Amino acid sequence: MTAIKSSSATPQKLFLFQLSATTVPLGPDRKLEMILPCYLVQTSNQRNILIDTGMAPDFPKPAGFPPSRDECNVVEQLARLNLRPADIDTVICTHFDVDHVGFHEHFAHAEFVVQREHFAIARDGHPRFATVRSHWDLPGARWNLVDGDTELLPGLTLLDTPGHVAGHQSVLVRLPETGNVLLAIDAVMMQSGFTPERKAGPKDESEEQLRASTVKLLDIVKKRHVALTVFGHDGTQWPMLRRAPDFYA
């Protein structure tokens, strides 16, 4: 693991933003509750670190996809905390899928942190990220390209978790009261998939890598005594979590 910043600042608060919720029918008497989240970390030196920015507003939903409810974009979520986009110092980009980069341009002044491998394949024109390139490939953007597991600052570690896509990263946050909180992001979207024998979904690029990343996160949960794991889109878990303006400290 590498450390890229010499800073005495540590995470003090973690806010969970619910941007929208959707109920997806899977068949008779079967449904899947999904949420679209992003996250805000506030540090002991009053810096604001945003993790992802949500769905691109100009991206049409697939035909027949159920309507979302309780929609509130990241700028509106920040306003509820009396924060403006200009107050965000760093944006951690877990990956460049459409539902994670939709408002990046509102934070063009910030430093963007992404895995070098992911940045390279996206910049080379990977079709998966090309449709929303205008949201993440910003003119004059300051990029902090990291390689593998990286301690961004004491108590905030980026975890290389490929499988959903190459260069995907999850985030481990250590808080003074709660302890370690793992934001699995799309390495593990649903709690039911947090098992070594999991299967890849239609949006996952490599089942082998996905399983390896899952095993890695399971090991971190055990060895780091993780108090809470937040799964990337699990709408069943979400009502049990503290959501902004409440926070974990």
C-alpha atoms as a PDB file:
ATOM      1  CA  MET A   1       0.000   0.000   0.000  1.00  0.00           C
ATOM      2  CA  THR A   2       1.207   3.496  -0.792  1.00  0.00           C
ATOM      3  CA  ALA A   3       0.539   6.814   0.924  1.00  0.00           C
ATOM      4  CA  ILE A   4       0.251   9.808  -1.374  1.00  0.00           C
ATOM      5  CA  LYS A   5      -0.295  12.679   1.035  1.00  0.00           C
ATOM      6  CA  SER A   6       1.540  13.645   4.184  1.00  0.00           C
ATOM      7  CA  SER A   7      -1.308  15.102   6.190  1.00  0.00           C
ATOM      8  CA  SER A   8      -2.370  15.026   9.798  1.00  0.00           C
ATOM      9  CA  ALA A   9      -6.012  15.484   8.763  1.00  0.00           C
ATOM     10  CA  THR A  10      -8.296  12.538   9.479  1.00  0.00           C
ATOM     11  CA  PRO A  11     -11.933  11.746   8.603  1.00  0.00           C
ATOM     12  CA  GLN A  12     -14.383  13.064  11.193  1.00  0.00           C
ATOM     13  CA  LYS A  13     -17.801  12.673   9.553  1.00  0.00           C
ATOM     14  CA  LEU A  14     -19.257  10.482   6.823  1.00  0.00           C
ATOM     15  CA  PHE A  15     -22.494  11.523   5.126  1.00  0.00           C
ATOM     16  CA  LEU A  16     -24.494   9.098   2.982  1.00  0.00           C
ATOM     17  CA  PHE A  17     -26.489  10.785   0.217  1.00  0.00           C
ATOM     18  CA  GLN A  18     -29.458   8.965  -1.294  1.00  0.00           C
ATOM     19  CA  LEU A  19     -29.880  10.461  -4.762  1.00  0.00           C
ATOM     20  CA  SER A  20     -32.795   8.264  -5.854  1.00  0.00           C
ATOM     21  CA  ALA A  21     -34.513   4.931  -5.266  1.00  0.00           C
ATOM     22  CA  THR A  22     -36.035   2.432  -7.693  1.00  0.00           C
ATOM     23  CA  THR A  23     -38.038  -0.771  -7.375  1.00  0.00           C
ATOM     24  CA  VAL A  24     -37.121  -3.161 -10.183  1.00  0.00           C
ATOM     25  CA  PRO A  25     -39.574  -6.033 -10.849  1.00  0.00           C
ATOM     26  CA  LEU A  26     -37.811  -9.370 -11.362  1.00  0.00           C
ATOM     27  CA  GLY A  27     -40.836 -11.586 -11.848  1.00  0.00           C
ATOM     28  CA  PRO A  28     -43.980 -12.730 -10.054  1.00  0.00           C
ATOM     29  CA  ASP A  29     -43.716 -11.696  -6.403  1.00  0.00           C
ATOM     30  CA  ARG A  30     -40.054 -10.758  -6.864  1.00  0.00           C
ATOM     31  CA  LYS A  31     -38.560  -7.310  -6.856  1.00  0.00           C
ATOM     32  CA  LEU A  32     -35.226  -5.622  -6.304  1.00  0.00           C
ATOM     33  CA  GLU A  33     -34.909  -2.445  -4.280  1.00  0.00           C
ATOM     34  CA  MET A  34     -32.083  -0.279  -5.615  1.00  0.00           C
ATOM     35  CA  ILE A  35     -30.723   3.085  -4.557  1.00  0.00           C
ATOM     36  CA  LEU A  36     -28.307   5.497  -6.160  1.00  0.00           C
ATOM     37  CA  PRO A  37     -25.911   6.945  -3.563  1.00  0.00           C
ATOM     38  CA  CYS A  38     -22.831   9.069  -3.184  1.00  0.00           C
ATOM     39  CA  TYR A  39     -20.861  10.021  -0.096  1.00  0.00           C
ATOM     40  CA  LEU A  40     -19.194  12.957   1.631  1.00  0.00           C
ATOM     41  CA  VAL A  41     -16.254  12.765   4.044  1.00  0.00           C
ATOM     42  CA  GLN A  42     -15.424  15.775   6.204  1.00  0.00           C
ATOM     43  CA  THR A  43     -11.980  15.893   7.776  1.00  0.00           C
ATOM     44  CA  SER A  44     -10.503  17.339  10.946  1.00  0.00           C
ATOM     45  CA  ASN A  45      -9.070  20.282   8.985  1.00  0.00           C
ATOM     46  CA  GLN A  46     -12.473  21.158   7.468  1.00  0.00           C
ATOM     47  CA  ARG A  47     -11.846  19.668   4.046  1.00  0.00           C
ATOM     48  CA  ASN A  48     -14.687  18.086   2.085  1.00  0.00           C
ATOM     49  CA  ILE A  49     -14.095  14.915   0.073  1.00  0.00           C
ATOM     50  CA  LEU A  50     -16.898  13.798  -2.220  1.00  0.00           C
ATOM     51  CA  ILE A  51     -17.083  10.180  -3.386  1.00  0.00           C
ATOM     52  CA  ASP A  52     -18.835   9.982  -6.783  1.00  0.00           C
ATOM     53  CA  THR A  53     -21.509  12.414  -8.007  1.00  0.00           C
ATOM     54  CA  GLY A  54     -24.453  10.340  -9.242  1.00  0.00           C
ATOM     55  CA  MET A  55     -26.413   9.836 -12.451  1.00  0.00           C
ATOM     56  CA  ALA A  56     -25.862  12.091 -15.442  1.00  0.00           C
ATOM     57  CA  PRO A  57     -29.067  14.146 -15.870  1.00  0.00           C
ATOM     58  CA  ASP A  58     -28.821  14.007 -19.680  1.00  0.00           C
ATOM     59  CA  PHE A  59     -28.592  10.214 -19.843  1.00  0.00           C
ATOM     60  CA  PRO A  60     -31.919   8.612 -20.854  1.00  0.00           C
ATOM     61  CA  LYS A  61     -33.121   5.635 -18.874  1.00  0.00           C
ATOM     62  CA  PRO A  62     -33.651   2.393 -20.808  1.00  0.00           C
ATOM     63  CA  ALA A  63     -37.129   1.849 -22.174  1.00  0.00           C
ATOM     64  CA  GLY A  64     -39.341   0.142 -19.618  1.00  0.00           C
ATOM     65  CA  PHE A  65     -37.046   0.925 -16.691  1.00  0.00           C
ATOM     66  CA  PRO A  66     -39.109   1.747 -13.588  1.00  0.00           C
ATOM     67  CA  PRO A  67     -39.306   5.411 -12.595  1.00  0.00           C
ATOM     68  CA  SER A  68     -37.095   6.640  -9.797  1.00  0.00           C
ATOM     69  CA  ARG A  69     -38.468   8.234  -6.635  1.00  0.00           C
ATOM     70  CA  ASP A  70     -37.131  10.608  -4.016  1.00  0.00           C
ATOM     71  CA  GLU A  71     -34.722  12.116  -6.526  1.00  0.00           C
ATOM     72  CA  CYS A  72     -32.303  14.695  -5.151  1.00  0.00           C
ATOM     73  CA  ASN A  73     -29.032  15.355  -6.954  1.00  0.00           C
ATOM     74  CA  VAL A  74     -25.685  15.807  -5.259  1.00  0.00           C
ATOM     75  CA  VAL A  75     -25.709  19.616  -5.516  1.00  0.00           C
ATOM     76  CA  GLU A  76     -29.096  19.690  -3.764  1.00  0.00           C
ATOM     77  CA  GLN A  77     -27.841  17.233  -1.144  1.00  0.00           C
ATOM     78  CA  LEU A  78     -24.846  19.445  -0.405  1.00  0.00           C
ATOM     79  CA  ALA A  79     -27.075  22.513  -0.147  1.00  0.00           C
ATOM     80  CA  ARG A  80     -29.007  20.783   2.647  1.00  0.00           C
ATOM     81  CA  LEU A  81     -25.713  20.796   4.571  1.00  0.00           C
ATOM     82  CA  ASN A  82     -25.094  24.455   3.694  1.00  0.00           C
ATOM     83  CA  LEU A  83     -22.321  23.472   1.295  1.00  0.00           C
ATOM     84  CA  ARG A  84     -21.739  24.653  -2.256  1.00  0.00           C
ATOM     85  CA  PRO A  85     -19.887  22.799  -5.017  1.00  0.00           C
ATOM     86  CA  ALA A  86     -17.020  25.242  -4.440  1.00  0.00           C
ATOM     87  CA  ASP A  87     -16.633  23.828  -0.924  1.00  0.00           C
ATOM     88  CA  ILE A  88     -15.587  20.412  -2.260  1.00  0.00           C
ATOM     89  CA  ASP A  89     -11.814  19.981  -2.243  1.00  0.00           C
ATOM     90  CA  THR A  90     -11.490  16.447  -3.630  1.00  0.00           C
ATOM     91  CA  VAL A  91     -13.669  14.114  -5.679  1.00  0.00           C
ATOM     92  CA  ILE A  92     -12.860  10.414  -5.416  1.00  0.00           C
ATOM     93  CA  CYS A  93     -13.910   8.754  -8.657  1.00  0.00           C
ATOM     94  CA  THR A  94     -14.649   5.110  -7.936  1.00  0.00           C
ATOM     95  CA  HIS A  95     -15.170   4.549 -11.681  1.00  0.00           C
ATOM     96  CA  PHE A  96     -16.627   6.366 -14.668  1.00  0.00           C
ATOM     97  CA  ASP A  97     -19.986   4.604 -15.100  1.00  0.00           C
ATOM     98  CA  VAL A  98     -22.872   6.916 -15.963  1.00  0.00           C
ATOM     99  CA  ASP A  99     -24.447   6.693 -12.498  1.00  0.00           C
ATOM    100  CA  HIS A 100     -21.239   7.742 -10.750  1.00  0.00           C
ATOM    101  CA  VAL A 101     -19.942  10.739 -12.758  1.00  0.00           C
ATOM    102  CA  GLY A 102     -23.056  12.672 -13.728  1.00  0.00           C
ATOM    103  CA  PHE A 103     -22.238  15.910 -11.891  1.00  0.00           C
ATOM    104  CA  HIS A 104     -18.437  15.962 -12.018  1.00  0.00           C
ATOM    105  CA  GLU A 105     -18.437  19.204 -14.010  1.00  0.00           C
ATOM    106  CA  HIS A 106     -19.895  21.052 -11.009  1.00  0.00           C
ATOM    107  CA  PHE A 107     -16.635  20.309  -9.156  1.00  0.00           C
ATOM    108  CA  ALA A 108     -14.143  21.164 -11.915  1.00  0.00           C
ATOM    109  CA  HIS A 109     -12.080  23.172  -9.416  1.00  0.00           C
ATOM    110  CA  ALA A 110     -11.484  20.118  -7.202  1.00  0.00           C
ATOM    111  CA  GLU A 111      -8.812  17.444  -7.401  1.00  0.00           C
ATOM    112  CA  PHE A 112     -10.101  14.200  -8.934  1.00  0.00           C
ATOM    113  CA  VAL A 113      -8.660  10.931  -7.625  1.00  0.00           C
ATOM    114  CA  VAL A 114      -8.928   7.801  -9.762  1.00  0.00           C
ATOM    115  CA  GLN A 115      -7.009   4.599 -10.364  1.00  0.00           C
ATOM    116  CA  ARG A 116      -4.444   5.112 -13.128  1.00  0.00           C
ATOM    117  CA  GLU A 117      -5.537   1.942 -14.932  1.00  0.00           C
ATOM    118  CA  HIS A 118      -9.157   3.033 -15.023  1.00  0.00           C
ATOM    119  CA  PHE A 119      -8.268   6.515 -16.235  1.00  0.00           C
ATOM    120  CA  ALA A 120      -6.149   5.068 -19.035  1.00  0.00           C
ATOM    121  CA  ILE A 121      -8.786   2.733 -20.436  1.00  0.00           C
ATOM    122  CA  ALA A 122     -11.422   5.458 -20.270  1.00  0.00           C
ATOM    123  CA  ARG A 123      -9.195   8.030 -21.943  1.00  0.00           C
ATOM    124  CA  ASP A 124      -8.377   5.470 -24.656  1.00  0.00           C
ATOM    125  CA  GLY A 125     -12.052   5.452 -25.636  1.00  0.00           C
ATOM    126  CA  HIS A 126     -13.603   2.500 -23.838  1.00  0.00           C
ATOM    127  CA  PRO A 127     -17.214   2.598 -25.140  1.00  0.00           C
ATOM    128  CA  ARG A 128     -18.632   2.014 -21.663  1.00  0.00           C
ATOM    129  CA  PHE A 129     -17.450   5.451 -20.554  1.00  0.00           C
ATOM    130  CA  ALA A 130     -17.573   7.323 -23.864  1.00  0.00           C
ATOM    131  CA  THR A 131     -21.250   8.281 -23.663  1.00  0.00           C
ATOM    132  CA  VAL A 132     -20.644  10.380 -20.548  1.00  0.00           C
ATOM    133  CA  ARG A 133     -17.140  11.542 -21.362  1.00  0.00           C
ATOM    134  CA  SER A 134     -18.223  15.188 -21.277  1.00  0.00           C
ATOM    135  CA  HIS A 135     -18.999  14.764 -17.564  1.00  0.00           C
ATOM    136  CA  TRP A 136     -15.676  13.280 -16.440  1.00  0.00           C
ATOM    137  CA  ASP A 137     -13.086  14.363 -19.045  1.00  0.00           C
ATOM    138  CA  LEU A 138     -13.062  17.997 -18.016  1.00  0.00           C
ATOM    139  CA  PRO A 139     -10.779  20.621 -19.589  1.00  0.00           C
ATOM    140  CA  GLY A 140      -8.034  21.617 -17.179  1.00  0.00           C
ATOM    141  CA  ALA A 141      -9.052  19.072 -14.540  1.00  0.00           C
ATOM    142  CA  ARG A 142      -6.487  18.223 -11.840  1.00  0.00           C
ATOM    143  CA  TRP A 143      -6.058  14.466 -11.779  1.00  0.00           C
ATOM    144  CA  ASN A 144      -4.443  12.484  -8.989  1.00  0.00           C
ATOM    145  CA  LEU A 145      -3.776   9.069 -10.530  1.00  0.00           C
ATOM    146  CA  VAL A 146      -3.174   6.317  -7.979  1.00  0.00           C
ATOM    147  CA  ASP A 147      -1.890   2.774  -8.355  1.00  0.00           C
ATOM    148  CA  GLY A 148      -3.569   0.060  -6.313  1.00  0.00           C
ATOM    149  CA  ASP A 149      -4.423   0.356  -2.624  1.00  0.00           C
ATOM    150  CA  THR A 150      -3.581   3.887  -1.539  1.00  0.00           C
ATOM    151  CA  GLU A 151      -3.867   5.785   1.724  1.00  0.00           C
ATOM    152  CA  LEU A 152      -5.174   9.140   0.552  1.00  0.00           C
ATOM    153  CA  LEU A 153      -4.882  10.496   4.082  1.00  0.00           C
ATOM    154  CA  PRO A 154      -4.684   8.839   7.493  1.00  0.00           C
ATOM    155  CA  GLY A 155      -7.961   6.996   7.928  1.00  0.00           C
ATOM    156  CA  LEU A 156      -9.076   7.124   4.283  1.00  0.00           C
ATOM    157  CA  THR A 157      -7.845   4.307   2.064  1.00  0.00           C
ATOM    158  CA  LEU A 158      -8.657   3.622  -1.570  1.00  0.00           C
ATOM    159  CA  LEU A 159      -8.950  -0.083  -2.337  1.00  0.00           C
ATOM    160  CA  ASP A 160      -8.305  -1.448  -5.817  1.00  0.00           C
ATOM    161  CA  THR A 161     -11.309  -3.739  -6.470  1.00  0.00           C
ATOM    162  CA  PRO A 162     -11.558  -4.645 -10.179  1.00  0.00           C
ATOM    163  CA  GLY A 163     -14.126  -6.975 -11.678  1.00  0.00           C
ATOM    164  CA  HIS A 164     -17.085  -4.683 -12.175  1.00  0.00           C
ATOM    165  CA  VAL A 165     -14.643  -2.832 -14.380  1.00  0.00           C
ATOM    166  CA  ALA A 166     -10.855  -2.568 -14.483  1.00  0.00           C
ATOM    167  CA  GLY A 167      -9.544   0.000 -12.013  1.00  0.00           C
ATOM    168  CA  HIS A 168     -12.697   0.165  -9.915  1.00  0.00           C
ATOM    169  CA  GLN A 169     -11.978   1.346  -6.370  1.00  0.00           C
ATOM    170  CA  SER A 170     -13.790   0.949  -3.064  1.00  0.00           C
ATOM    171  CA  VAL A 171     -13.163   3.174  -0.038  1.00  0.00           C
ATOM    172  CA  LEU A 172     -12.336   2.396   3.603  1.00  0.00           C
ATOM    173  CA  VAL A 173     -13.004   5.238   6.056  1.00  0.00           C
ATOM    174  CA  ARG A 174     -11.890   5.164   9.688  1.00  0.00           C
ATOM    175  CA  LEU A 175     -14.028   7.370  11.930  1.00  0.00           C
ATOM    176  CA  PRO A 176     -13.232   8.342  15.546  1.00  0.00           C
ATOM    177  CA  GLU A 177     -16.445   6.896  17.046  1.00  0.00           C
ATOM    178  CA  THR A 178     -17.826   4.402  14.516  1.00  0.00           C
ATOM    179  CA  GLY A 179     -14.501   2.867  13.550  1.00  0.00           C
ATOM    180  CA  ASN A 180     -13.915   1.461  10.072  1.00  0.00           C
ATOM    181  CA  VAL A 181     -16.644   1.876   7.465  1.00  0.00           C
ATOM    182  CA  LEU A 182     -16.274   0.104   4.125  1.00  0.00           C
ATOM    183  CA  LEU A 183     -17.904   1.661   1.084  1.00  0.00           C
ATOM    184  CA  ALA A 184     -17.944  -1.291  -1.276  1.00  0.00           C
ATOM    185  CA  ILE A 185     -19.371   0.742  -4.183  1.00  0.00           C
ATOM    186  CA  ASP A 186     -19.961  -1.511  -7.227  1.00  0.00           C
ATOM    187  CA  ALA A 187     -17.461  -4.155  -6.180  1.00  0.00           C
ATOM    188  CA  VAL A 188     -20.387  -5.452  -4.101  1.00  0.00           C
ATOM    189  CA  MET A 189     -23.670  -3.815  -5.079  1.00  0.00           C
ATOM    190  CA  MET A 190     -25.934  -5.972  -2.904  1.00  0.00           C
ATOM    191  CA  GLN A 191     -25.356  -7.531   0.505  1.00  0.00           C
ATOM    192  CA  SER A 192     -26.536 -10.880  -0.902  1.00  0.00           C
ATOM    193  CA  GLY A 193     -23.463 -10.826  -3.179  1.00  0.00           C
ATOM    194  CA  PHE A 194     -20.969 -10.471  -0.348  1.00  0.00           C
ATOM    195  CA  THR A 195     -19.793 -14.068  -0.636  1.00  0.00           C
ATOM    196  CA  PRO A 196     -16.744 -15.721  -2.224  1.00  0.00           C
ATOM    197  CA  GLU A 197     -18.986 -17.793  -4.515  1.00  0.00           C
ATOM    198  CA  ARG A 198     -20.804 -14.821  -6.021  1.00  0.00           C
ATOM    199  CA  LYS A 199     -21.754 -14.621  -9.671  1.00  0.00           C
ATOM    200  CA  ALA A 200     -21.050 -11.724 -11.993  1.00  0.00           C
ATOM    201  CA  GLY A 201     -23.929  -9.533 -13.106  1.00  0.00           C
ATOM    202  CA  PRO A 202     -24.606  -8.238 -16.621  1.00  0.00           C
ATOM    203  CA  LYS A 203     -22.603  -5.050 -15.992  1.00  0.00           C
ATOM    204  CA  ASP A 204     -19.578  -6.831 -14.499  1.00  0.00           C
ATOM    205  CA  GLU A 205     -16.601  -7.331 -16.806  1.00  0.00           C
ATOM    206  CA  SER A 206     -14.743 -10.170 -15.059  1.00  0.00           C
ATOM    207  CA  GLU A 207     -16.257 -12.718 -12.698  1.00  0.00           C
ATOM    208  CA  GLU A 208     -12.795 -13.955 -11.706  1.00  0.00           C
ATOM    209  CA  GLN A 209     -11.646 -10.485 -10.708  1.00  0.00           C
ATOM    210  CA  LEU A 210     -14.989  -9.720  -9.078  1.00  0.00           C
ATOM    211  CA  ARG A 211     -14.695 -12.776  -6.844  1.00  0.00           C
ATOM    212  CA  ALA A 212     -11.100 -11.912  -5.972  1.00  0.00           C
ATOM    213  CA  SER A 213     -12.137  -8.378  -5.037  1.00  0.00           C
ATOM    214  CA  THR A 214     -15.001  -9.734  -2.927  1.00  0.00           C
ATOM    215  CA  VAL A 215     -12.659 -12.071  -1.063  1.00  0.00           C
ATOM    216  CA  LYS A 216     -10.289  -9.154  -0.525  1.00  0.00           C
ATOM    217  CA  LEU A 217     -13.076  -7.035   0.987  1.00  0.00           C
ATOM    218  CA  LEU A 218     -14.311  -9.904   3.148  1.00  0.00           C
ATOM    219  CA  ASP A 219     -10.765 -10.258   4.477  1.00  0.00           C
ATOM    220  CA  ILE A 220     -10.538  -6.523   5.189  1.00  0.00           C
ATOM    221  CA  VAL A 221     -13.846  -6.620   7.059  1.00  0.00           C
ATOM    222  CA  LYS A 222     -12.466  -9.376   9.280  1.00  0.00           C
ATOM    223  CA  LYS A 223      -8.931  -8.123   9.802  1.00  0.00           C
ATOM    224  CA  ARG A 224      -9.785  -4.427  10.156  1.00  0.00           C
ATOM    225  CA  HIS A 225     -12.838  -5.092  12.361  1.00  0.00           C
ATOM    226  CA  VAL A 226     -15.060  -3.135   9.996  1.00  0.00           C
ATOM    227  CA  ALA A 227     -18.091  -1.822  11.876  1.00  0.00           C
ATOM    228  CA  LEU A 228     -20.233  -1.139   8.815  1.00  0.00           C
ATOM    229  CA  THR A 229     -20.154  -2.176   5.168  1.00  0.00           C
ATOM    230  CA  VAL A 230     -22.268  -0.086   2.798  1.00  0.00           C
ATOM    231  CA  PHE A 231     -23.166  -1.912  -0.400  1.00  0.00           C
ATOM    232  CA  GLY A 232     -23.216  -0.001  -3.664  1.00  0.00           C
ATOM    233  CA  HIS A 233     -26.899  -0.053  -4.638  1.00  0.00           C
ATOM    234  CA  ASP A 234     -28.679  -2.091  -1.966  1.00  0.00           C
ATOM    235  CA  GLY A 235     -32.040  -0.418  -1.412  1.00  0.00           C
ATOM    236  CA  THR A 236     -32.968  -2.971   1.229  1.00  0.00           C
ATOM    237  CA  GLN A 237     -29.996  -1.971   3.389  1.00  0.00           C
ATOM    238  CA  TRP A 238     -30.400   1.766   2.890  1.00  0.00           C
ATOM    239  CA  PRO A 239     -33.355   2.400   5.261  1.00  0.00           C
ATOM    240  CA  MET A 240     -31.268   0.940   8.086  1.00  0.00           C
ATOM    241  CA  LEU A 241     -28.452   3.442   7.529  1.00  0.00           C
ATOM    242  CA  ARG A 242     -27.970   7.013   8.728  1.00  0.00           C
ATOM    243  CA  ARG A 243     -28.672   9.257   5.782  1.00  0.00           C
ATOM    244  CA  ALA A 244     -27.788  12.920   5.410  1.00  0.00           C
ATOM    245  CA  PRO A 245     -28.242  15.233   7.176  1.00  0.00           C
ATOM    246  CA  ASP A 246     -27.472  12.567   9.783  1.00  0.00           C
ATOM    247  CA  PHE A 247     -23.930  11.220   9.665  1.00  0.00           C
ATOM    248  CA  TYR A 248     -21.472   8.697  11.029  1.00  0.00           C
ATOM    249  CA  ALA A 249     -18.730  10.144  13.232  1.00  0.00           C
END
